[in-house]
PDB file of N, CA and C in Angstrom:
ATOM      1  N   MET A   1      16.611  30.743 107.728  1.00  0.00           N
ATOM      2  CA  MET A   1      15.705  31.255 108.702  1.00  0.00           C
ATOM      3  C   MET A   1      15.453  32.736 108.351  1.00  0.00           C
ATOM      4  N   ASP A   2      14.182  33.173 108.864  1.00  0.00           N
ATOM      5  CA  ASP A   2      13.913  34.711 108.698  1.00  0.00           C
ATOM      6  C   ASP A   2      14.486  35.654 109.589  1.00  0.00           C
ATOM      7  N   THR A   3      15.360  36.456 109.183  1.00  0.00           N
ATOM      8  CA  THR A   3      15.952  37.599 109.974  1.00  0.00           C
ATOM      9  C   THR A   3      15.652  38.816 109.377  1.00  0.00           C
ATOM     10  N   ARG A   4      15.739  39.904 110.242  1.00  0.00           N
ATOM     11  CA  ARG A   4      15.774  41.283 109.830  1.00  0.00           C
ATOM     12  C   ARG A   4      16.790  42.064 110.678  1.00  0.00           C
ATOM     13  N   VAL A   5      17.240  43.429 110.130  1.00  0.00           N
ATOM     14  CA  VAL A   5      17.737  43.905 110.866  1.00  0.00           C
ATOM     15  C   VAL A   5      17.376  45.275 111.166  1.00  0.00           C
ATOM     16  N   GLU A   6      17.225  45.890 112.129  1.00  0.00           N
ATOM     17  CA  GLU A   6      16.757  47.179 112.323  1.00  0.00           C
ATOM     18  C   GLU A   6      17.420  48.208 113.240  1.00  0.00           C
ATOM     19  N   HIS A   7      17.460  49.562 112.760  1.00  0.00           N
ATOM     20  CA  HIS A   7      18.254  50.536 113.385  1.00  0.00           C
ATOM     21  C   HIS A   7      17.423  51.094 114.408  1.00  0.00           C
ATOM     22  N   ASN A   8      17.858  50.908 115.677  1.00  0.00           N
ATOM     23  CA  ASN A   8      17.474  51.397 116.855  1.00  0.00           C
ATOM     24  C   ASN A   8      17.973  52.862 117.237  1.00  0.00           C
ATOM     25  N   THR A   9      17.597  53.673 116.742  1.00  0.00           N
ATOM     26  CA  THR A   9      18.256  55.072 116.872  1.00  0.00           C
ATOM     27  C   THR A   9      18.429  55.638 118.612  1.00  0.00           C
ATOM     28  N   ASP A  10      17.207  55.400 119.084  1.00  0.00           N
ATOM     29  CA  ASP A  10      17.370  55.589 120.646  1.00  0.00           C
ATOM     30  C   ASP A  10      18.349  55.050 121.406  1.00  0.00           C
ATOM     31  N   LEU A  11      18.668  53.680 120.980  1.00  0.00           N
ATOM     32  CA  LEU A  11      19.763  53.028 121.795  1.00  0.00           C
ATOM     33  C   LEU A  11      21.162  52.989 121.028  1.00  0.00           C
ATOM     34  N   ARG A  12      21.169  53.923 120.093  1.00  0.00           N
ATOM     35  CA  ARG A  12      22.329  53.750 119.135  1.00  0.00           C
ATOM     36  C   ARG A  12      22.937  52.258 118.759  1.00  0.00           C
ATOM     37  N   ARG A  13      22.108  51.619 118.254  1.00  0.00           N
ATOM     38  CA  ARG A  13      22.775  50.326 117.977  1.00  0.00           C
ATOM     39  C   ARG A  13      21.695  49.791 116.708  1.00  0.00           C
ATOM     40  N   PHE A  14      22.296  49.008 116.022  1.00  0.00           N
ATOM     41  CA  PHE A  14      21.772  48.077 114.881  1.00  0.00           C
ATOM     42  C   PHE A  14      21.355  46.429 115.653  1.00  0.00           C
ATOM     43  N   GLU A  15      20.163  46.109 115.558  1.00  0.00           N
ATOM     44  CA  GLU A  15      19.629  44.901 116.162  1.00  0.00           C
ATOM     45  C   GLU A  15      19.250  43.882 114.906  1.00  0.00           C
ATOM     46  N   ILE A  16      19.484  42.631 115.342  1.00  0.00           N
ATOM     47  CA  ILE A  16      19.152  41.825 114.192  1.00  0.00           C
ATOM     48  C   ILE A  16      18.075  40.673 115.072  1.00  0.00           C
ATOM     49  N   TYR A  17      17.090  40.407 114.449  1.00  0.00           N
ATOM     50  CA  TYR A  17      15.900  39.559 115.008  1.00  0.00           C
ATOM     51  C   TYR A  17      16.059  38.152 114.037  1.00  0.00           C
ATOM     52  N   ALA A  18      15.723  37.211 114.498  1.00  0.00           N
ATOM     53  CA  ALA A  18      15.711  35.945 114.217  1.00  0.00           C
ATOM     54  C   ALA A  18      14.247  35.335 114.526  1.00  0.00           C
ATOM     55  N   HIS A  19      13.429  35.309 113.589  1.00  0.00           N
ATOM     56  CA  HIS A  19      12.337  34.625 113.928  1.00  0.00           C
ATOM     57  C   HIS A  19      11.634  35.573 114.888  1.00  0.00           C
ATOM     58  N   ASP A  20      11.515  36.771 114.676  1.00  0.00           N
ATOM     59  CA  ASP A  20      10.981  37.982 115.525  1.00  0.00           C
ATOM     60  C   ASP A  20      11.527  37.767 117.115  1.00  0.00           C
ATOM     61  N   GLN A  21      12.654  37.176 117.120  1.00  0.00           N
ATOM     62  CA  GLN A  21      13.274  37.154 118.359  1.00  0.00           C
ATOM     63  C   GLN A  21      14.689  38.025 118.490  1.00  0.00           C
ATOM     64  N   LEU A  22      14.956  39.027 119.358  1.00  0.00           N
ATOM     65  CA  LEU A  22      16.286  39.716 119.132  1.00  0.00           C
ATOM     66  C   LEU A  22      17.399  38.756 119.498  1.00  0.00           C
ATOM     67  N   ALA A  23      18.345  38.750 118.351  1.00  0.00           N
ATOM     68  CA  ALA A  23      19.318  37.982 118.357  1.00  0.00           C
ATOM     69  C   ALA A  23      20.689  38.287 118.752  1.00  0.00           C
ATOM     70  N   GLY A  24      20.764  39.699 118.452  1.00  0.00           N
ATOM     71  CA  GLY A  24      22.133  40.507 118.816  1.00  0.00           C
ATOM     72  C   GLY A  24      21.887  41.805 118.291  1.00  0.00           C
ATOM     73  N   PHE A  25      23.079  42.567 118.603  1.00  0.00           N
ATOM     74  CA  PHE A  25      23.275  43.975 118.234  1.00  0.00           C
ATOM     75  C   PHE A  25      24.598  44.450 117.998  1.00  0.00           C
ATOM     76  N   ALA A  26      24.755  45.633 117.297  1.00  0.00           N
ATOM     77  CA  ALA A  26      26.007  46.178 117.084  1.00  0.00           C
ATOM     78  C   ALA A  26      25.817  47.641 117.518  1.00  0.00           C
ATOM     79  N   THR A  27      26.480  48.072 118.627  1.00  0.00           N
ATOM     80  CA  THR A  27      26.199  49.377 119.194  1.00  0.00           C
ATOM     81  C   THR A  27      27.536  50.543 118.744  1.00  0.00           C
ATOM     82  N   TYR A  28      26.966  51.739 118.497  1.00  0.00           N
ATOM     83  CA  TYR A  28      28.070  52.664 118.141  1.00  0.00           C
ATOM     84  C   TYR A  28      27.708  53.922 119.005  1.00  0.00           C
ATOM     85  N   GLU A  29      28.533  54.821 118.590  1.00  0.00           N
ATOM     86  CA  GLU A  29      28.639  56.245 118.964  1.00  0.00           C
ATOM     87  C   GLU A  29      28.984  57.025 117.908  1.00  0.00           C
ATOM     88  N   GLU A  30      28.338  58.319 117.910  1.00  0.00           N
ATOM     89  CA  GLU A  30      28.179  59.326 116.793  1.00  0.00           C
ATOM     90  C   GLU A  30      29.570  60.057 116.930  1.00  0.00           C
ATOM     91  N   ALA A  31      30.373  60.026 115.921  1.00  0.00           N
ATOM     92  CA  ALA A  31      31.597  60.690 116.147  1.00  0.00           C
ATOM     93  C   ALA A  31      31.834  61.679 114.701  1.00  0.00           C
ATOM     94  N   GLY A  32      31.201  62.878 114.573  1.00  0.00           N
ATOM     95  CA  GLY A  32      30.922  63.963 113.622  1.00  0.00           C
ATOM     96  C   GLY A  32      30.390  63.086 112.392  1.00  0.00           C
ATOM     97  N   PRO A  33      31.482  63.192 111.211  1.00  0.00           N
ATOM     98  CA  PRO A  33      31.123  62.701 110.039  1.00  0.00           C
ATOM     99  C   PRO A  33      31.274  61.243 109.841  1.00  0.00           C
ATOM    100  N   ASN A  34      31.502  60.501 111.318  1.00  0.00           N
ATOM    101  CA  ASN A  34      31.525  58.711 111.283  1.00  0.00           C
ATOM    102  C   ASN A  34      30.723  58.631 112.283  1.00  0.00           C
ATOM    103  N   ARG A  35      30.683  56.909 111.883  1.00  0.00           N
ATOM    104  CA  ARG A  35      29.821  56.092 113.123  1.00  0.00           C
ATOM    105  C   ARG A  35      30.921  55.105 113.629  1.00  0.00           C
ATOM    106  N   ALA A  36      31.229  55.379 115.204  1.00  0.00           N
ATOM    107  CA  ALA A  36      32.300  54.601 115.857  1.00  0.00           C
ATOM    108  C   ALA A  36      31.490  53.312 116.218  1.00  0.00           C
ATOM    109  N   PHE A  37      31.547  52.215 115.679  1.00  0.00           N
ATOM    110  CA  PHE A  37      31.372  50.888 116.150  1.00  0.00           C
ATOM    111  C   PHE A  37      31.999  50.588 117.245  1.00  0.00           C
ATOM    112  N   VAL A  38      31.391  49.968 118.606  1.00  0.00           N
ATOM    113  CA  VAL A  38      32.274  49.774 119.806  1.00  0.00           C
ATOM    114  C   VAL A  38      31.924  48.416 120.254  1.00  0.00           C
ATOM    115  N   HIS A  39      30.787  47.603 119.864  1.00  0.00           N
ATOM    116  CA  HIS A  39      30.483  46.501 120.271  1.00  0.00           C
ATOM    117  C   HIS A  39      29.553  45.543 119.462  1.00  0.00           C
ATOM    118  N   THR A  40      29.778  44.530 119.468  1.00  0.00           N
ATOM    119  CA  THR A  40      28.773  43.773 118.597  1.00  0.00           C
ATOM    120  C   THR A  40      28.667  42.158 119.367  1.00  0.00           C
ATOM    121  N   GLU A  41      27.483  41.991 119.600  1.00  0.00           N
ATOM    122  CA  GLU A  41      26.988  40.900 120.355  1.00  0.00           C
ATOM    123  C   GLU A  41      25.985  40.317 119.648  1.00  0.00           C
ATOM    124  N   ILE A  42      26.068  38.888 119.802  1.00  0.00           N
ATOM    125  CA  ILE A  42      25.021  37.722 119.124  1.00  0.00           C
ATOM    126  C   ILE A  42      24.836  36.866 120.592  1.00  0.00           C
ATOM    127  N   TYR A  43      23.458  36.704 120.800  1.00  0.00           N
ATOM    128  CA  TYR A  43      23.377  35.967 122.091  1.00  0.00           C
ATOM    129  C   TYR A  43      23.514  34.505 121.696  1.00  0.00           C
ATOM    130  N   SER A  44      24.034  33.771 122.684  1.00  0.00           N
ATOM    131  CA  SER A  44      24.559  32.433 122.761  1.00  0.00           C
ATOM    132  C   SER A  44      23.861  31.439 122.034  1.00  0.00           C
ATOM    133  N   GLN A  45      22.445  31.660 122.238  1.00  0.00           N
ATOM    134  CA  GLN A  45      21.280  30.563 121.302  1.00  0.00           C
ATOM    135  C   GLN A  45      21.301  30.832 119.937  1.00  0.00           C
ATOM    136  N   PHE A  46      22.001  31.944 119.281  1.00  0.00           N
ATOM    137  CA  PHE A  46      22.039  32.477 117.959  1.00  0.00           C
ATOM    138  C   PHE A  46      23.444  32.272 117.344  1.00  0.00           C
ATOM    139  N   GLU A  47      24.187  31.837 118.342  1.00  0.00           N
ATOM    140  CA  GLU A  47      25.818  31.955 117.775  1.00  0.00           C
ATOM    141  C   GLU A  47      25.700  30.774 116.837  1.00  0.00           C
ATOM    142  N   GLY A  48      26.848  30.793 115.683  1.00  0.00           N
ATOM    143  CA  GLY A  48      26.968  29.939 114.573  1.00  0.00           C
ATOM    144  C   GLY A  48      26.243  29.960 113.631  1.00  0.00           C
ATOM    145  N   MET A  49      25.303  30.994 113.317  1.00  0.00           N
ATOM    146  CA  MET A  49      24.350  31.009 112.318  1.00  0.00           C
ATOM    147  C   MET A  49      24.495  31.982 111.209  1.00  0.00           C
ATOM    148  N   GLY A  50      25.735  32.460 111.321  1.00  0.00           N
ATOM    149  CA  GLY A  50      25.927  33.870 110.486  1.00  0.00           C
ATOM    150  C   GLY A  50      25.098  35.103 110.707  1.00  0.00           C
ATOM    151  N   LEU A  51      24.573  35.218 111.804  1.00  0.00           N
ATOM    152  CA  LEU A  51      23.796  36.295 111.724  1.00  0.00           C
ATOM    153  C   LEU A  51      24.815  37.754 112.208  1.00  0.00           C
ATOM    154  N   ALA A  52      25.719  37.373 112.905  1.00  0.00           N
ATOM    155  CA  ALA A  52      26.909  38.469 113.133  1.00  0.00           C
ATOM    156  C   ALA A  52      27.416  39.166 111.611  1.00  0.00           C
ATOM    157  N   LYS A  53      27.559  38.377 110.744  1.00  0.00           N
ATOM    158  CA  LYS A  53      27.793  38.896 109.364  1.00  0.00           C
ATOM    159  C   LYS A  53      26.618  39.949 108.809  1.00  0.00           C
ATOM    160  N   GLN A  54      25.439  38.952 108.965  1.00  0.00           N
ATOM    161  CA  GLN A  54      24.430  39.864 108.387  1.00  0.00           C
ATOM    162  C   GLN A  54      24.284  41.118 109.107  1.00  0.00           C
ATOM    163  N   LEU A  55      24.216  40.940 110.495  1.00  0.00           N
ATOM    164  CA  LEU A  55      24.131  42.420 111.154  1.00  0.00           C
ATOM    165  C   LEU A  55      25.037  43.491 110.572  1.00  0.00           C
ATOM    166  N   ILE A  56      26.444  43.020 110.609  1.00  0.00           N
ATOM    167  CA  ILE A  56      27.342  43.937 110.332  1.00  0.00           C
ATOM    168  C   ILE A  56      27.296  44.644 109.014  1.00  0.00           C
ATOM    169  N   ARG A  57      27.137  43.503 107.873  1.00  0.00           N
ATOM    170  CA  ARG A  57      26.604  44.061 106.592  1.00  0.00           C
ATOM    171  C   ARG A  57      25.712  45.073 106.369  1.00  0.00           C
ATOM    172  N   ALA A  58      24.518  44.675 107.296  1.00  0.00           N
ATOM    173  CA  ALA A  58      23.247  45.834 106.975  1.00  0.00           C
ATOM    174  C   ALA A  58      23.539  47.144 107.746  1.00  0.00           C
ATOM    175  N   ALA A  59      24.436  47.011 108.878  1.00  0.00           N
ATOM    176  CA  ALA A  59      24.652  48.314 109.603  1.00  0.00           C
ATOM    177  C   ALA A  59      25.882  49.111 108.814  1.00  0.00           C
ATOM    178  N   LEU A  60      26.743  48.407 108.193  1.00  0.00           N
ATOM    179  CA  LEU A  60      27.588  49.155 107.473  1.00  0.00           C
ATOM    180  C   LEU A  60      26.927  49.979 105.892  1.00  0.00           C
ATOM    181  N   ASP A  61      26.042  49.090 105.606  1.00  0.00           N
ATOM    182  CA  ASP A  61      25.229  49.489 104.208  1.00  0.00           C
ATOM    183  C   ASP A  61      24.273  50.628 104.611  1.00  0.00           C
ATOM    184  N   ALA A  62      23.623  50.689 106.068  1.00  0.00           N
ATOM    185  CA  ALA A  62      23.117  51.805 106.319  1.00  0.00           C
ATOM    186  C   ALA A  62      23.746  52.993 106.684  1.00  0.00           C
ATOM    187  N   THR A  63      24.940  52.992 107.429  1.00  0.00           N
ATOM    188  CA  THR A  63      25.908  53.937 107.536  1.00  0.00           C
ATOM    189  C   THR A  63      26.295  54.575 106.237  1.00  0.00           C
ATOM    190  N   ARG A  64      26.494  53.585 105.092  1.00  0.00           N
ATOM    191  CA  ARG A  64      26.975  54.195 103.909  1.00  0.00           C
ATOM    192  C   ARG A  64      25.898  55.090 103.347  1.00  0.00           C
ATOM    193  N   GLU A  65      24.807  54.430 103.444  1.00  0.00           N
ATOM    194  CA  GLU A  65      23.609  55.273 102.823  1.00  0.00           C
ATOM    195  C   GLU A  65      23.306  56.421 103.428  1.00  0.00           C
ATOM    196  N   GLU A  66      23.729  56.683 104.988  1.00  0.00           N
ATOM    197  CA  GLU A  66      23.558  57.880 105.623  1.00  0.00           C
ATOM    198  C   GLU A  66      24.728  58.779 105.182  1.00  0.00           C
ATOM    199  N   GLY A  67      25.501  58.392 104.521  1.00  0.00           N
ATOM    200  CA  GLY A  67      26.811  59.436 104.051  1.00  0.00           C
ATOM    201  C   GLY A  67      27.836  59.507 105.170  1.00  0.00           C
ATOM    202  N   LEU A  68      28.098  58.426 105.984  1.00  0.00           N
ATOM    203  CA  LEU A  68      28.708  58.421 107.181  1.00  0.00           C
ATOM    204  C   LEU A  68      30.008  57.820 106.865  1.00  0.00           C
ATOM    205  N   GLY A  69      31.108  57.790 107.648  1.00  0.00           N
ATOM    206  CA  GLY A  69      31.910  57.009 107.596  1.00  0.00           C
ATOM    207  C   GLY A  69      32.043  56.107 108.741  1.00  0.00           C
ATOM    208  N   VAL A  70      32.982  54.998 108.821  1.00  0.00           N
ATOM    209  CA  VAL A  70      32.927  53.940 109.457  1.00  0.00           C
ATOM    210  C   VAL A  70      34.380  53.958 110.407  1.00  0.00           C
ATOM    211  N   LEU A  71      34.201  53.953 112.055  1.00  0.00           N
ATOM    212  CA  LEU A  71      35.547  53.949 112.788  1.00  0.00           C
ATOM    213  C   LEU A  71      35.430  52.500 113.286  1.00  0.00           C
ATOM    214  N   PRO A  72      35.764  51.215 112.890  1.00  0.00           N
ATOM    215  CA  PRO A  72      35.789  50.058 113.762  1.00  0.00           C
ATOM    216  C   PRO A  72      36.437  49.672 114.843  1.00  0.00           C
ATOM    217  N   PHE A  73      36.087  50.233 115.890  1.00  0.00           N
ATOM    218  CA  PHE A  73      36.608  50.031 117.207  1.00  0.00           C
ATOM    219  C   PHE A  73      36.221  48.729 117.818  1.00  0.00           C
ATOM    220  N   CYS A  74      35.090  48.126 117.408  1.00  0.00           N
ATOM    221  CA  CYS A  74      34.783  46.715 117.524  1.00  0.00           C
ATOM    222  C   CYS A  74      35.583  45.900 116.824  1.00  0.00           C
ATOM    223  N   PRO A  75      36.290  44.548 117.563  1.00  0.00           N
ATOM    224  CA  PRO A  75      36.968  43.699 116.908  1.00  0.00           C
ATOM    225  C   PRO A  75      36.374  42.931 115.548  1.00  0.00           C
ATOM    226  N   PHE A  76      34.968  42.785 115.916  1.00  0.00           N
ATOM    227  CA  PHE A  76      34.405  41.818 114.752  1.00  0.00           C
ATOM    228  C   PHE A  76      34.269  42.828 113.704  1.00  0.00           C
ATOM    229  N   VAL A  77      33.871  44.254 113.843  1.00  0.00           N
ATOM    230  CA  VAL A  77      33.615  45.148 112.838  1.00  0.00           C
ATOM    231  C   VAL A  77      34.888  45.168 112.055  1.00  0.00           C
ATOM    232  N   HIS A  78      35.903  45.607 112.883  1.00  0.00           N
ATOM    233  CA  HIS A  78      37.397  45.760 112.241  1.00  0.00           C
ATOM    234  C   HIS A  78      37.862  44.673 111.408  1.00  0.00           C
ATOM    235  N   ARG A  79      37.384  43.498 111.909  1.00  0.00           N
ATOM    236  CA  ARG A  79      37.928  42.215 110.919  1.00  0.00           C
ATOM    237  C   ARG A  79      37.142  42.186 109.741  1.00  0.00           C
ATOM    238  N   PHE A  80      35.757  42.559 109.879  1.00  0.00           N
ATOM    239  CA  PHE A  80      34.938  42.457 108.726  1.00  0.00           C
ATOM    240  C   PHE A  80      35.745  43.411 107.454  1.00  0.00           C
ATOM    241  N   VAL A  81      35.664  44.709 108.135  1.00  0.00           N
ATOM    242  CA  VAL A  81      36.152  45.578 106.928  1.00  0.00           C
ATOM    243  C   VAL A  81      37.367  45.424 106.527  1.00  0.00           C
ATOM    244  N   SER A  82      38.308  44.883 107.435  1.00  0.00           N
ATOM    245  CA  SER A  82      39.841  44.723 106.967  1.00  0.00           C
ATOM    246  C   SER A  82      39.640  43.666 105.806  1.00  0.00           C
ATOM    247  N   LYS A  83      38.973  42.732 105.476  1.00  0.00           N
ATOM    248  CA  LYS A  83      38.412  41.585 104.640  1.00  0.00           C
ATOM    249  C   LYS A  83      37.888  41.924 103.280  1.00  0.00           C
ATOM    250  N   ASP A  84      37.110  43.382 103.246  1.00  0.00           N
ATOM    251  CA  ASP A  84      36.354  43.609 102.015  1.00  0.00           C
ATOM    252  C   ASP A  84      36.653  44.932 102.112  1.00  0.00           C
ATOM    253  N   LYS A  85      37.133  45.258 100.713  1.00  0.00           N
ATOM    254  CA  LYS A  85      37.571  46.689 100.121  1.00  0.00           C
ATOM    255  C   LYS A  85      36.372  47.350  99.940  1.00  0.00           C
ATOM    256  N   GLU A  86      35.075  47.134  99.867  1.00  0.00           N
ATOM    257  CA  GLU A  86      34.064  47.863  99.730  1.00  0.00           C
ATOM    258  C   GLU A  86      33.608  48.125 101.111  1.00  0.00           C
ATOM    259  N   TYR A  87      34.060  47.829 101.977  1.00  0.00           N
ATOM    260  CA  TYR A  87      33.520  48.186 103.311  1.00  0.00           C
ATOM    261  C   TYR A  87      34.771  49.222 103.973  1.00  0.00           C
ATOM    262  N   LEU A  88      36.085  48.729 103.641  1.00  0.00           N
ATOM    263  CA  LEU A  88      37.126  49.300 104.056  1.00  0.00           C
ATOM    264  C   LEU A  88      37.163  50.948 103.460  1.00  0.00           C
ATOM    265  N   ALA A  89      36.670  51.152 102.471  1.00  0.00           N
ATOM    266  CA  ALA A  89      36.577  52.071 101.670  1.00  0.00           C
ATOM    267  C   ALA A  89      35.710  53.454 102.767  1.00  0.00           C
ATOM    268  N   LEU A  90      34.880  52.737 103.400  1.00  0.00           N
ATOM    269  CA  LEU A  90      34.305  53.573 104.350  1.00  0.00           C
ATOM    270  C   LEU A  90      34.926  54.172 105.572  1.00  0.00           C
ATOM    271  N   VAL A  91      36.006  53.390 105.734  1.00  0.00           N
ATOM    272  CA  VAL A  91      36.835  54.018 106.952  1.00  0.00           C
ATOM    273  C   VAL A  91      37.669  54.927 106.355  1.00  0.00           C
ATOM    274  N   PRO A  92      37.904  56.253 107.161  1.00  0.00           N
ATOM    275  CA  PRO A  92      38.765  57.359 106.440  1.00  0.00           C
ATOM    276  C   PRO A  92      40.075  57.076 106.481  1.00  0.00           C
ATOM    277  N   THR A  93      40.781  57.486 105.441  1.00  0.00           N
ATOM    278  CA  THR A  93      42.078  57.358 105.263  1.00  0.00           C
ATOM    279  C   THR A  93      43.027  57.424 106.544  1.00  0.00           C
ATOM    280  N   TRP A  94      42.641  58.732 107.371  1.00  0.00           N
ATOM    281  CA  TRP A  94      43.479  59.081 108.564  1.00  0.00           C
ATOM    282  C   TRP A  94      43.351  57.905 109.505  1.00  0.00           C
ATOM    283  N   ALA A  95      42.287  57.178 109.526  1.00  0.00           N
ATOM    284  CA  ALA A  95      42.012  56.092 110.746  1.00  0.00           C
ATOM    285  C   ALA A  95      42.594  54.714 110.373  1.00  0.00           C
ATOM    286  N   ARG A  96      42.872  54.435 109.033  1.00  0.00           N
ATOM    287  CA  ARG A  96      43.169  53.240 108.675  1.00  0.00           C
ATOM    288  C   ARG A  96      44.703  52.795 109.216  1.00  0.00           C
ATOM    289  N   GLU A  97      45.450  53.555 109.397  1.00  0.00           N
ATOM    290  CA  GLU A  97      46.855  53.398 109.769  1.00  0.00           C
ATOM    291  C   GLU A  97      46.725  53.405 111.440  1.00  0.00           C
ATOM    292  N   ARG A  98      45.898  54.132 112.056  1.00  0.00           N
ATOM    293  CA  ARG A  98      45.680  54.213 113.450  1.00  0.00           C
ATOM    294  C   ARG A  98      45.114  52.972 114.076  1.00  0.00           C
ATOM    295  N   LEU A  99      44.297  52.343 113.018  1.00  0.00           N
ATOM    296  CA  LEU A  99      43.481  51.349 113.530  1.00  0.00           C
ATOM    297  C   LEU A  99      43.967  50.067 112.764  1.00  0.00           C
ATOM    298  N   ASN A 100      45.250  50.014 112.365  1.00  0.00           N
ATOM    299  CA  ASN A 100      46.134  48.777 111.824  1.00  0.00           C
ATOM    300  C   ASN A 100      45.427  48.347 110.504  1.00  0.00           C
ATOM    301  N   LEU A 101      44.662  48.916 109.784  1.00  0.00           N
ATOM    302  CA  LEU A 101      43.851  48.475 108.756  1.00  0.00           C
ATOM    303  C   LEU A 101      44.749  48.841 107.317  1.00  0.00           C
ATOM    304  N   PRO A 102      44.496  47.861 106.349  1.00  0.00           N
ATOM    305  CA  PRO A 102      45.091  48.239 105.166  1.00  0.00           C
ATOM    306  C   PRO A 102      44.909  49.537 104.588  1.00  0.00           C
ATOM    307  N   ALA A 103      45.777  50.028 103.775  1.00  0.00           N
ATOM    308  CA  ALA A 103      45.718  51.440 103.252  1.00  0.00           C
ATOM    309  C   ALA A 103      44.533  51.284 102.235  1.00  0.00           C
ATOM    310  N   GLU A 104      44.037  50.275 101.367  1.00  0.00           N
ATOM    311  CA  GLU A 104      43.308  50.019 100.528  1.00  0.00           C
ATOM    312  C   GLU A 104      43.005  48.347 100.433  1.00  0.00           C
TER     313      GLU A 104
END
């Protein structure tokens, strides 16, 4: 499947497109030196295709490239970072305990 992820800074979200059709998005709020992810949504006709993982991975990679930390308030982003030490490292140490994430 032909997919791409774009950073829509005006709407403060990352968007995933499948065959040039908007398939979902992950919204965030700026929080000082961190990006707080608050909601991820994949439209029903695109569910079960692995697009949410692609979207979150691309959003977290872009956030890291910008030198920002991650606050995973969105349940999907929270679950994603909790399972991968590479992305867990983006969550500030002070936030891990508060968000019930592993220390490392």
